[in-house]
Amino acid sequence: MNEITLAKEEFATALKDEGLDVYAFLPERIVPPVVVINTGNPFITVETIGNEYVMSLELILVAGTATNESATETLEQLIESVLKALPGYARLLRVDKPYSLAYNNAEYLSTSVQVEISITI
């Protein structure tokens, strides 16, 4: 397995170990509440001279399709859970405002959490 995929899998495992439902890839079907790890922008940048890099990740947090009030509460709880579950080696950049995510013919209340992790290639 390459270092990029391995780093994403290890990061996903760290979140799963804290009780979150996490995918390190975009699944064909989602069952909220769920966290989907996507690439950030820029995806990989140089950290130091040598083999050290910074990998940017976008965590897509997806709440249910319930009423706005219920979905908002679920999303806010998911945000809090993700922030508490971030491993010590991850750097939180920001949590974006909620938006409506269209996925598999359904609309979900979602948000993006931007993080960075250091990797060696």
Protein backbone atom coordinates (compact mmCIF):
# COMPACT_ATOMS: atom_id res chain seq x y z
CA MET A 1 0.00 0.00 0.00
CA ASN A 2 1.31 3.48 -0.82
CA GLU A 3 2.05 6.05 1.91
CA ILE A 4 -0.84 8.36 0.93
CA THR A 5 -3.47 5.63 1.17
CA LEU A 6 -1.88 4.26 4.34
CA ALA A 7 -1.96 7.69 6.03
CA LYS A 8 -5.65 8.14 5.13
CA GLU A 9 -6.48 4.64 6.42
CA GLU A 10 -4.62 5.26 9.71
CA PHE A 11 -6.43 8.58 10.14
CA ALA A 12 -9.79 6.89 9.46
CA THR A 13 -8.96 4.16 11.98
CA ALA A 14 -8.16 6.79 14.63
CA LEU A 15 -11.63 8.32 14.13
CA LYS A 16 -13.33 4.90 14.06
CA ASP A 17 -11.61 3.99 17.35
CA GLU A 18 -13.50 6.92 18.89
CA GLY A 19 -16.84 5.46 17.80
CA LEU A 20 -17.42 7.35 14.56
CA ASP A 21 -18.72 5.80 11.34
CA VAL A 22 -15.97 6.71 8.85
CA TYR A 23 -15.13 6.00 5.21
CA ALA A 24 -11.65 6.74 3.83
CA PHE A 25 -13.22 6.91 0.35
CA LEU A 26 -16.47 8.08 -1.24
CA PRO A 27 -18.86 5.12 -0.77
CA GLU A 28 -21.62 4.17 -3.19
CA ARG A 29 -24.19 4.54 -0.40
CA ILE A 30 -24.14 6.41 2.90
CA VAL A 31 -26.11 5.89 6.08
CA PRO A 32 -25.88 9.05 8.22
CA PRO A 33 -24.52 10.19 10.52
CA VAL A 34 -21.22 9.46 8.81
CA VAL A 35 -17.81 10.99 8.10
CA VAL A 36 -16.35 10.66 4.59
CA ILE A 37 -12.66 11.46 4.17
CA ASN A 38 -11.99 13.34 0.94
CA THR A 39 -8.87 15.06 -0.35
CA GLY A 40 -8.34 18.69 0.56
CA ASN A 41 -7.06 21.49 -1.63
CA PRO A 42 -4.15 21.64 -2.09
CA PHE A 43 -3.92 17.89 -1.51
CA ILE A 44 -0.18 17.58 -0.77
CA THR A 45 2.38 20.32 -0.12
CA VAL A 46 6.03 20.28 0.92
CA GLU A 47 6.63 20.51 4.67
CA THR A 48 10.43 20.39 4.77
CA ILE A 49 13.32 19.61 2.50
CA GLY A 50 13.38 15.86 2.03
CA ASN A 51 10.51 13.42 2.20
CA GLU A 52 8.17 15.28 4.57
CA TYR A 53 4.84 16.54 3.23
CA VAL A 54 1.56 17.96 4.50
CA MET A 55 -1.57 16.19 3.31
CA SER A 56 -4.80 18.19 3.41
CA LEU A 57 -7.99 16.29 4.07
CA GLU A 58 -11.61 17.36 3.88
CA LEU A 59 -13.85 15.49 6.29
CA ILE A 60 -17.39 15.57 4.94
CA LEU A 61 -19.77 15.24 7.87
CA VAL A 62 -23.20 14.03 6.81
CA ALA A 63 -26.27 14.24 9.06
CA GLY A 64 -29.65 12.69 8.35
CA THR A 65 -32.51 13.81 6.16
CA ALA A 66 -34.81 14.55 9.08
CA THR A 67 -36.39 17.93 9.84
CA ASN A 68 -34.04 20.90 9.79
CA GLU A 69 -34.02 21.17 13.57
CA SER A 70 -33.26 17.48 14.09
CA ALA A 71 -30.66 17.33 11.30
CA THR A 72 -28.99 20.49 12.63
CA GLU A 73 -28.71 19.00 16.11
CA THR A 74 -27.33 15.75 14.67
CA LEU A 75 -24.78 17.64 12.57
CA GLU A 76 -23.65 19.78 15.50
CA GLN A 77 -23.21 16.65 17.64
CA LEU A 78 -21.21 15.04 14.81
CA ILE A 79 -18.98 18.12 14.56
CA GLU A 80 -18.32 18.00 18.29
CA SER A 81 -17.57 14.27 18.17
CA VAL A 82 -15.13 14.69 15.27
CA LEU A 83 -13.30 17.57 16.97
CA LYS A 84 -12.90 15.49 20.14
CA ALA A 85 -11.76 12.44 18.13
CA LEU A 86 -9.06 14.15 16.05
CA PRO A 87 -5.73 12.46 16.74
CA GLY A 88 -2.93 14.59 18.19
CA TYR A 89 -1.01 14.59 14.92
CA ALA A 90 -3.89 16.22 13.00
CA ARG A 91 -4.13 20.00 12.72
CA LEU A 92 -7.63 21.46 12.51
CA LEU A 93 -7.87 24.28 9.97
CA ARG A 94 -11.58 25.08 10.04
CA VAL A 95 -15.17 23.87 10.15
CA ASP A 96 -17.22 25.23 7.26
CA LYS A 97 -20.84 26.36 7.45
CA PRO A 98 -23.50 23.68 6.87
CA TYR A 99 -24.79 23.03 3.38
CA SER A 100 -27.20 20.71 1.60
CA LEU A 101 -25.45 17.70 0.07
CA ALA A 102 -27.20 15.91 -2.80
CA TYR A 103 -26.19 12.24 -2.77
CA ASN A 104 -27.96 9.21 -4.28
CA ASN A 105 -31.19 11.13 -4.91
CA ALA A 106 -31.40 12.46 -1.35
CA GLU A 107 -30.53 15.75 0.34
CA TYR A 108 -28.45 15.66 3.54
CA LEU A 109 -27.41 18.44 5.90
CA SER A 110 -23.61 18.42 5.80
CA THR A 111 -20.48 20.37 6.56
CA SER A 112 -16.77 20.11 5.82
CA VAL A 113 -13.99 19.95 8.38
CA GLN A 114 -10.58 20.82 6.95
CA VAL A 115 -7.54 19.16 8.57
CA GLU A 116 -3.87 18.58 7.78
CA ILE A 117 -1.59 15.72 8.67
CA SER A 118 2.14 15.24 8.09
CA ILE A 119 3.27 12.27 6.00
CA THR A 120 6.59 10.86 4.86
CA ILE A 121 6.88 9.58 1.30
